[in-house]
Amino acid sequence: MLVETLAQYSALMVMKHKYGEEKMQKFLQYEMDRYLLGRSTEQKKELPLSRVENQPYIHYRKGSVVMYALQDYIGEDNLNRAIHAFRDETAFKGPPYPNTTQLLAHIRAVTPPQLQYVIDDMFETITLYDNRATEAKARALPDGRYEVTMKVVAKKRKADELGKESEAPLADWIDIGVVDDDNKPLFLEKKKIDHEEMEFTVIVTGKPARAGIDPYNKLIDRQPKDNTIAVEIG
């Protein structure tokens, strides 16, 4: 993780700043697919990212998805500050050599209390989501904007190293979004999701095309295409 996952993160940030956040989804979806394929064909055991050994589908593929989501959650500047502090603490020193526990300690130090659970989910456990949109309707307002109402379903699971899953408590901050025909956000905001089924109503400027939960697939979800649904405009 310290060598390969951090290298992936550096490459992702170059891509993000050169091509823009909306363009990242295609690459991240590829990485997500490769991770899910890798874990489905694992013949020994899947380790959490913080303890990954020689498993490229974890330290490359999952690493990309996790690090991109992490900078979105806590802020790119905060994450870079944590990595810098870890580097300054450990660079050019002999044994005992640095490990992921030290890096995660620096990341935790820049992570707000309400988001500490994200570190556990992304690095120290194997966490999977089943997020999907079930309904999205909009009506035009007199001022030219649209009122969009959407219904979403969210489930969270933890898997052990052999793939056995169990349902996990859900009290997570997850993007709720509305996008246009070009997949650009008309509304994108993290909301606390603490029930399996929830409904949201938002006002957007611009004609909505799709709406739902985690529209840019930042979280690990085996069926990411159902996160959003076409908006019915009445």
C-alpha atoms as a PDB file:
ATOM      1  CA  MET A   1       0.000   0.000   0.000  1.00  0.00           C
ATOM      2  CA  LEU A   2       2.744   2.505   0.890  1.00  0.00           C
ATOM      3  CA  VAL A   3       4.530   2.037  -2.437  1.00  0.00           C
ATOM      4  CA  GLU A   4       1.886   1.190  -5.035  1.00  0.00           C
ATOM      5  CA  THR A   5      -1.337   2.684  -3.672  1.00  0.00           C
ATOM      6  CA  LEU A   6       0.309   6.048  -3.026  1.00  0.00           C
ATOM      7  CA  ALA A   7       1.771   5.967  -6.540  1.00  0.00           C
ATOM      8  CA  GLN A   8      -1.731   5.370  -7.898  1.00  0.00           C
ATOM      9  CA  TYR A   9      -2.992   8.318  -5.893  1.00  0.00           C
ATOM     10  CA  SER A  10      -0.343  10.615  -7.398  1.00  0.00           C
ATOM     11  CA  ALA A  11      -1.346   9.536 -10.913  1.00  0.00           C
ATOM     12  CA  LEU A  12      -5.042  10.031 -10.139  1.00  0.00           C
ATOM     13  CA  MET A  13      -4.501  13.589  -8.981  1.00  0.00           C
ATOM     14  CA  VAL A  14      -2.563  14.408 -12.162  1.00  0.00           C
ATOM     15  CA  MET A  15      -5.499  13.047 -14.188  1.00  0.00           C
ATOM     16  CA  LYS A  16      -8.049  14.922 -12.094  1.00  0.00           C
ATOM     17  CA  HIS A  17      -6.304  18.279 -12.499  1.00  0.00           C
ATOM     18  CA  LYS A  18      -5.644  17.792 -16.216  1.00  0.00           C
ATOM     19  CA  TYR A  19      -8.998  16.393 -17.344  1.00  0.00           C
ATOM     20  CA  GLY A  20     -11.462  17.420 -14.616  1.00  0.00           C
ATOM     21  CA  GLU A  21     -13.443  15.530 -12.047  1.00  0.00           C
ATOM     22  CA  GLU A  22     -16.275  14.511 -14.389  1.00  0.00           C
ATOM     23  CA  LYS A  23     -13.807  12.705 -16.687  1.00  0.00           C
ATOM     24  CA  MET A  24     -12.452  10.580 -13.840  1.00  0.00           C
ATOM     25  CA  GLN A  25     -15.521   8.380 -13.618  1.00  0.00           C
ATOM     26  CA  LYS A  26     -14.642   6.204 -16.613  1.00  0.00           C
ATOM     27  CA  PHE A  27     -11.187   5.360 -15.260  1.00  0.00           C
ATOM     28  CA  LEU A  28     -12.429   4.805 -11.720  1.00  0.00           C
ATOM     29  CA  GLN A  29     -15.179   2.520 -13.025  1.00  0.00           C
ATOM     30  CA  TYR A  30     -12.513   0.453 -14.786  1.00  0.00           C
ATOM     31  CA  GLU A  31     -10.538   0.227 -11.541  1.00  0.00           C
ATOM     32  CA  MET A  32     -13.698  -0.712  -9.624  1.00  0.00           C
ATOM     33  CA  ASP A  33     -14.536  -3.460 -12.114  1.00  0.00           C
ATOM     34  CA  ARG A  34     -11.014  -4.884 -11.927  1.00  0.00           C
ATOM     35  CA  TYR A  35     -11.120  -4.908  -8.136  1.00  0.00           C
ATOM     36  CA  LEU A  36     -14.496  -6.651  -8.034  1.00  0.00           C
ATOM     37  CA  LEU A  37     -13.330  -9.196 -10.600  1.00  0.00           C
ATOM     38  CA  GLY A  38     -10.169  -9.831  -8.599  1.00  0.00           C
ATOM     39  CA  ARG A  39     -11.979 -10.452  -5.341  1.00  0.00           C
ATOM     40  CA  SER A  40     -14.476 -12.742  -7.082  1.00  0.00           C
ATOM     41  CA  THR A  41     -11.633 -14.987  -8.267  1.00  0.00           C
ATOM     42  CA  GLU A  42      -9.527 -14.845  -5.074  1.00  0.00           C
ATOM     43  CA  GLN A  43      -8.548 -18.388  -4.072  1.00  0.00           C
ATOM     44  CA  LYS A  44      -6.871 -17.727  -0.725  1.00  0.00           C
ATOM     45  CA  LYS A  45      -8.043 -14.671   1.175  1.00  0.00           C
ATOM     46  CA  GLU A  46      -8.741 -11.017   0.559  1.00  0.00           C
ATOM     47  CA  LEU A  47      -6.948  -8.702   2.949  1.00  0.00           C
ATOM     48  CA  PRO A  48      -8.029  -5.169   3.864  1.00  0.00           C
ATOM     49  CA  LEU A  49      -6.121  -2.485   1.989  1.00  0.00           C
ATOM     50  CA  SER A  50      -3.974  -1.571   5.002  1.00  0.00           C
ATOM     51  CA  ARG A  51      -2.657  -5.153   5.223  1.00  0.00           C
ATOM     52  CA  VAL A  52      -2.490  -6.001   1.512  1.00  0.00           C
ATOM     53  CA  GLU A  53       0.349  -8.252   0.396  1.00  0.00           C
ATOM     54  CA  ASN A  54       1.073  -9.191  -3.223  1.00  0.00           C
ATOM     55  CA  GLN A  55      -2.486  -8.703  -4.495  1.00  0.00           C
ATOM     56  CA  PRO A  56      -2.495  -6.144  -7.342  1.00  0.00           C
ATOM     57  CA  TYR A  57      -6.293  -6.071  -7.576  1.00  0.00           C
ATOM     58  CA  ILE A  58      -6.240  -4.629  -4.048  1.00  0.00           C
ATOM     59  CA  HIS A  59      -3.228  -2.319  -3.866  1.00  0.00           C
ATOM     60  CA  TYR A  60      -3.699  -0.993  -7.440  1.00  0.00           C
ATOM     61  CA  ARG A  61      -7.414  -1.266  -8.263  1.00  0.00           C
ATOM     62  CA  LYS A  62      -9.055  -0.908  -4.876  1.00  0.00           C
ATOM     63  CA  GLY A  63      -6.303   1.510  -3.896  1.00  0.00           C
ATOM     64  CA  SER A  64      -7.271   3.873  -6.723  1.00  0.00           C
ATOM     65  CA  VAL A  65     -10.952   3.855  -5.794  1.00  0.00           C
ATOM     66  CA  VAL A  66     -10.288   4.278  -2.082  1.00  0.00           C
ATOM     67  CA  MET A  67      -7.731   7.068  -2.354  1.00  0.00           C
ATOM     68  CA  TYR A  68      -9.862   9.038  -4.793  1.00  0.00           C
ATOM     69  CA  ALA A  69     -12.867   8.705  -2.492  1.00  0.00           C
ATOM     70  CA  LEU A  70     -10.777   9.653   0.540  1.00  0.00           C
ATOM     71  CA  GLN A  71      -9.579  12.945  -0.958  1.00  0.00           C
ATOM     72  CA  ASP A  72     -13.175  13.690  -1.875  1.00  0.00           C
ATOM     73  CA  TYR A  73     -14.316  13.071   1.702  1.00  0.00           C
ATOM     74  CA  ILE A  74     -11.606  14.858   3.680  1.00  0.00           C
ATOM     75  CA  GLY A  75     -10.244  17.234   1.045  1.00  0.00           C
ATOM     76  CA  GLU A  76      -7.245  16.911  -1.254  1.00  0.00           C
ATOM     77  CA  ASP A  77      -5.221  19.458   0.717  1.00  0.00           C
ATOM     78  CA  ASN A  78      -5.839  17.640   3.998  1.00  0.00           C
ATOM     79  CA  LEU A  79      -4.847  14.284   2.537  1.00  0.00           C
ATOM     80  CA  ASN A  80      -1.709  15.763   0.979  1.00  0.00           C
ATOM     81  CA  ARG A  81      -0.822  17.313   4.333  1.00  0.00           C
ATOM     82  CA  ALA A  82      -1.123  13.911   6.010  1.00  0.00           C
ATOM     83  CA  ILE A  83       1.076  12.255   3.372  1.00  0.00           C
ATOM     84  CA  HIS A  84       3.666  15.022   3.701  1.00  0.00           C
ATOM     85  CA  ALA A  85       3.746  14.584   7.488  1.00  0.00           C
ATOM     86  CA  PHE A  86       4.178  10.825   7.093  1.00  0.00           C
ATOM     87  CA  ARG A  87       7.019  11.383   4.618  1.00  0.00           C
ATOM     88  CA  ASP A  88       8.775  13.878   6.877  1.00  0.00           C
ATOM     89  CA  GLU A  89       8.499  11.490   9.818  1.00  0.00           C
ATOM     90  CA  THR A  90       9.866   8.421   8.028  1.00  0.00           C
ATOM     91  CA  ALA A  91      12.009   9.443   5.029  1.00  0.00           C
ATOM     92  CA  PHE A  92      15.617   8.167   4.811  1.00  0.00           C
ATOM     93  CA  LYS A  93      15.454   6.275   8.087  1.00  0.00           C
ATOM     94  CA  GLY A  94      16.519   2.705   8.694  1.00  0.00           C
ATOM     95  CA  PRO A  95      14.658  -0.040  10.529  1.00  0.00           C
ATOM     96  CA  PRO A  96      12.092  -0.272  11.914  1.00  0.00           C
ATOM     97  CA  TYR A  97      10.695   0.695   8.524  1.00  0.00           C
ATOM     98  CA  PRO A  98       7.426   2.637   8.155  1.00  0.00           C
ATOM     99  CA  ASN A  99       4.099   0.859   7.880  1.00  0.00           C
ATOM    100  CA  THR A 100       0.504   1.655   7.057  1.00  0.00           C
ATOM    101  CA  THR A 101      -0.418   2.110  10.728  1.00  0.00           C
ATOM    102  CA  GLN A 102       1.768   5.218  10.815  1.00  0.00           C
ATOM    103  CA  LEU A 103       0.284   6.594   7.601  1.00  0.00           C
ATOM    104  CA  LEU A 104      -3.271   6.013   8.791  1.00  0.00           C
ATOM    105  CA  ALA A 105      -2.479   7.803  12.060  1.00  0.00           C
ATOM    106  CA  HIS A 106      -1.550  10.901  10.073  1.00  0.00           C
ATOM    107  CA  ILE A 107      -4.686  10.560   7.930  1.00  0.00           C
ATOM    108  CA  ARG A 108      -6.858  10.227  11.034  1.00  0.00           C
ATOM    109  CA  ALA A 109      -5.291  13.396  12.426  1.00  0.00           C
ATOM    110  CA  VAL A 110      -6.670  15.467   9.529  1.00  0.00           C
ATOM    111  CA  THR A 111     -10.048  13.685   9.339  1.00  0.00           C
ATOM    112  CA  PRO A 112     -13.082  15.250  11.104  1.00  0.00           C
ATOM    113  CA  PRO A 113     -14.644  13.182  13.918  1.00  0.00           C
ATOM    114  CA  GLN A 114     -17.815  12.455  11.946  1.00  0.00           C
ATOM    115  CA  LEU A 115     -15.745  10.927   9.125  1.00  0.00           C
ATOM    116  CA  GLN A 116     -13.386   8.736  11.167  1.00  0.00           C
ATOM    117  CA  TYR A 117     -15.518   5.729  10.206  1.00  0.00           C
ATOM    118  CA  VAL A 118     -14.387   6.242   6.593  1.00  0.00           C
ATOM    119  CA  ILE A 119     -10.808   5.273   7.527  1.00  0.00           C
ATOM    120  CA  ASP A 120     -12.002   2.000   9.060  1.00  0.00           C
ATOM    121  CA  ASP A 121     -14.264   1.212   6.094  1.00  0.00           C
ATOM    122  CA  MET A 122     -11.742   2.022   3.383  1.00  0.00           C
ATOM    123  CA  PHE A 123      -8.507   0.715   4.862  1.00  0.00           C
ATOM    124  CA  GLU A 124      -9.012  -1.585   7.821  1.00  0.00           C
ATOM    125  CA  THR A 125     -12.059  -3.613   6.803  1.00  0.00           C
ATOM    126  CA  ILE A 126     -13.622  -4.883   3.569  1.00  0.00           C
ATOM    127  CA  THR A 127     -16.710  -2.741   3.082  1.00  0.00           C
ATOM    128  CA  LEU A 128     -19.244  -3.008   0.273  1.00  0.00           C
ATOM    129  CA  TYR A 129     -22.339  -0.966  -0.543  1.00  0.00           C
ATOM    130  CA  ASP A 130     -25.583  -1.677  -2.317  1.00  0.00           C
ATOM    131  CA  ASN A 131     -26.776   1.814  -3.214  1.00  0.00           C
ATOM    132  CA  ARG A 132     -29.487   2.428  -5.773  1.00  0.00           C
ATOM    133  CA  ALA A 133     -32.081   4.929  -6.891  1.00  0.00           C
ATOM    134  CA  THR A 134     -35.674   3.736  -7.147  1.00  0.00           C
ATOM    135  CA  GLU A 135     -37.499   6.873  -8.290  1.00  0.00           C
ATOM    136  CA  ALA A 136     -36.724  10.380  -9.543  1.00  0.00           C
ATOM    137  CA  LYS A 137     -39.295  12.969 -10.561  1.00  0.00           C
ATOM    138  CA  ALA A 138     -39.030  16.664 -11.373  1.00  0.00           C
ATOM    139  CA  ARG A 139     -41.329  19.580 -11.964  1.00  0.00           C
ATOM    140  CA  ALA A 140     -40.508  22.872 -13.606  1.00  0.00           C
ATOM    141  CA  LEU A 141     -40.723  25.939 -11.364  1.00  0.00           C
ATOM    142  CA  PRO A 142     -41.944  29.371 -12.520  1.00  0.00           C
ATOM    143  CA  ASP A 143     -38.388  30.780 -12.333  1.00  0.00           C
ATOM    144  CA  GLY A 144     -37.035  28.183 -14.764  1.00  0.00           C
ATOM    145  CA  ARG A 145     -35.460  25.930 -12.170  1.00  0.00           C
ATOM    146  CA  TYR A 146     -36.540  22.375 -11.369  1.00  0.00           C
ATOM    147  CA  GLU A 147     -37.648  20.723  -8.161  1.00  0.00           C
ATOM    148  CA  VAL A 148     -36.315  17.153  -8.127  1.00  0.00           C
ATOM    149  CA  THR A 149     -37.553  14.492  -5.728  1.00  0.00           C
ATOM    150  CA  MET A 150     -35.721  11.188  -5.567  1.00  0.00           C
ATOM    151  CA  LYS A 151     -36.034   7.994  -3.570  1.00  0.00           C
ATOM    152  CA  VAL A 152     -32.922   5.966  -2.781  1.00  0.00           C
ATOM    153  CA  VAL A 153     -32.037   2.699  -1.080  1.00  0.00           C
ATOM    154  CA  ALA A 154     -28.729   2.092   0.722  1.00  0.00           C
ATOM    155  CA  LYS A 155     -27.219  -0.991   2.347  1.00  0.00           C
ATOM    156  CA  LYS A 156     -23.766  -1.537   3.795  1.00  0.00           C
ATOM    157  CA  ARG A 157     -21.981  -4.851   4.303  1.00  0.00           C
ATOM    158  CA  LYS A 158     -18.709  -6.040   5.792  1.00  0.00           C
ATOM    159  CA  ALA A 159     -16.892  -9.047   4.365  1.00  0.00           C
ATOM    160  CA  ASP A 160     -14.336 -11.212   6.125  1.00  0.00           C
ATOM    161  CA  GLU A 161     -11.141 -12.418   4.452  1.00  0.00           C
ATOM    162  CA  LEU A 162     -12.910 -15.466   3.044  1.00  0.00           C
ATOM    163  CA  GLY A 163     -15.722 -13.433   1.517  1.00  0.00           C
ATOM    164  CA  LYS A 164     -18.473 -14.087   4.052  1.00  0.00           C
ATOM    165  CA  GLU A 165     -20.613 -10.965   4.351  1.00  0.00           C
ATOM    166  CA  SER A 166     -22.699  -9.515   7.162  1.00  0.00           C
ATOM    167  CA  GLU A 167     -24.894  -6.432   7.228  1.00  0.00           C
ATOM    168  CA  ALA A 168     -23.312  -3.374   8.846  1.00  0.00           C
ATOM    169  CA  PRO A 169     -24.974  -0.413  10.606  1.00  0.00           C
ATOM    170  CA  LEU A 170     -25.607   2.482   8.256  1.00  0.00           C
ATOM    171  CA  ALA A 171     -24.996   6.067   9.360  1.00  0.00           C
ATOM    172  CA  ASP A 172     -22.822   7.227   6.480  1.00  0.00           C
ATOM    173  CA  TRP A 173     -22.290  10.468   4.599  1.00  0.00           C
ATOM    174  CA  ILE A 174     -22.986   9.688   0.928  1.00  0.00           C
ATOM    175  CA  ASP A 175     -23.396  11.916  -2.122  1.00  0.00           C
ATOM    176  CA  ILE A 176     -26.914  12.674  -3.237  1.00  0.00           C
ATOM    177  CA  GLY A 177     -26.843  14.075  -6.723  1.00  0.00           C
ATOM    178  CA  VAL A 178     -28.623  15.297  -9.834  1.00  0.00           C
ATOM    179  CA  VAL A 179     -26.752  15.423 -13.159  1.00  0.00           C
ATOM    180  CA  ASP A 180     -27.515  16.765 -16.606  1.00  0.00           C
ATOM    181  CA  ASP A 181     -27.249  15.045 -19.995  1.00  0.00           C
ATOM    182  CA  ASP A 182     -23.465  15.570 -19.994  1.00  0.00           C
ATOM    183  CA  ASN A 183     -23.131  13.952 -16.551  1.00  0.00           C
ATOM    184  CA  LYS A 184     -22.245  17.297 -14.995  1.00  0.00           C
ATOM    185  CA  PRO A 185     -23.595  17.898 -11.492  1.00  0.00           C
ATOM    186  CA  LEU A 186     -26.578  20.168 -11.062  1.00  0.00           C
ATOM    187  CA  PHE A 187     -26.665  19.202  -7.381  1.00  0.00           C
ATOM    188  CA  LEU A 188     -24.117  17.175  -5.423  1.00  0.00           C
ATOM    189  CA  GLU A 189     -24.002  17.123  -1.653  1.00  0.00           C
ATOM    190  CA  LYS A 190     -23.183  14.571   1.034  1.00  0.00           C
ATOM    191  CA  LYS A 191     -26.177  13.658   3.153  1.00  0.00           C
ATOM    192  CA  LYS A 192     -26.274  11.473   6.244  1.00  0.00           C
ATOM    193  CA  ILE A 193     -27.817   8.175   5.198  1.00  0.00           C
ATOM    194  CA  ASP A 194     -29.116   6.412   8.300  1.00  0.00           C
ATOM    195  CA  HIS A 195     -32.136   4.538   6.931  1.00  0.00           C
ATOM    196  CA  GLU A 196     -32.297   1.896   4.236  1.00  0.00           C
ATOM    197  CA  GLU A 197     -34.875   3.923   2.295  1.00  0.00           C
ATOM    198  CA  MET A 198     -34.770   7.716   2.138  1.00  0.00           C
ATOM    199  CA  GLU A 199     -36.271  10.507   0.056  1.00  0.00           C
ATOM    200  CA  PHE A 200     -34.707  13.845  -0.900  1.00  0.00           C
ATOM    201  CA  THR A 201     -36.041  16.943  -2.625  1.00  0.00           C
ATOM    202  CA  VAL A 202     -33.662  19.516  -4.125  1.00  0.00           C
ATOM    203  CA  ILE A 203     -33.861  22.554  -6.398  1.00  0.00           C
ATOM    204  CA  VAL A 204     -31.556  22.683  -9.429  1.00  0.00           C
ATOM    205  CA  THR A 205     -30.712  25.166 -12.162  1.00  0.00           C
ATOM    206  CA  GLY A 206     -30.646  23.353 -15.477  1.00  0.00           C
ATOM    207  CA  LYS A 207     -32.627  20.447 -16.865  1.00  0.00           C
ATOM    208  CA  PRO A 208     -32.062  17.280 -14.814  1.00  0.00           C
ATOM    209  CA  ALA A 209     -31.335  13.996 -16.594  1.00  0.00           C
ATOM    210  CA  ARG A 210     -30.498  11.502 -13.837  1.00  0.00           C
ATOM    211  CA  ALA A 211     -30.622  11.526 -10.043  1.00  0.00           C
ATOM    212  CA  GLY A 212     -29.733   9.249  -7.168  1.00  0.00           C
ATOM    213  CA  ILE A 213     -27.158   8.243  -4.590  1.00  0.00           C
ATOM    214  CA  ASP A 214     -23.367   8.225  -5.051  1.00  0.00           C
ATOM    215  CA  PRO A 215     -23.802   9.215  -8.713  1.00  0.00           C
ATOM    216  CA  TYR A 216     -20.060   9.251  -9.424  1.00  0.00           C
ATOM    217  CA  ASN A 217     -19.483   5.812  -7.858  1.00  0.00           C
ATOM    218  CA  LYS A 218     -16.971   6.852  -5.224  1.00  0.00           C
ATOM    219  CA  LEU A 219     -17.931   3.982  -2.921  1.00  0.00           C
ATOM    220  CA  ILE A 220     -17.371   0.293  -3.670  1.00  0.00           C
ATOM    221  CA  ASP A 221     -20.644  -0.979  -5.082  1.00  0.00           C
ATOM    222  CA  ARG A 222     -21.123  -4.155  -7.115  1.00  0.00           C
ATOM    223  CA  GLN A 223     -23.988  -2.660  -9.116  1.00  0.00           C
ATOM    224  CA  PRO A 224     -22.911   0.960  -9.678  1.00  0.00           C
ATOM    225  CA  LYS A 225     -25.120   1.506 -12.716  1.00  0.00           C
ATOM    226  CA  ASP A 226     -28.292   1.519 -10.606  1.00  0.00           C
ATOM    227  CA  ASN A 227     -27.066   4.342  -8.371  1.00  0.00           C
ATOM    228  CA  THR A 228     -28.925   6.816 -10.549  1.00  0.00           C
ATOM    229  CA  ILE A 229     -32.159   6.681 -12.479  1.00  0.00           C
ATOM    230  CA  ALA A 230     -33.598   8.780 -15.297  1.00  0.00           C
ATOM    231  CA  VAL A 231     -35.584  11.764 -14.054  1.00  0.00           C
ATOM    232  CA  GLU A 232     -39.255  11.867 -15.039  1.00  0.00           C
ATOM    233  CA  ILE A 233     -40.208  15.476 -15.719  1.00  0.00           C
ATOM    234  CA  GLY A 234     -43.876  16.128 -15.172  1.00  0.00           C
END
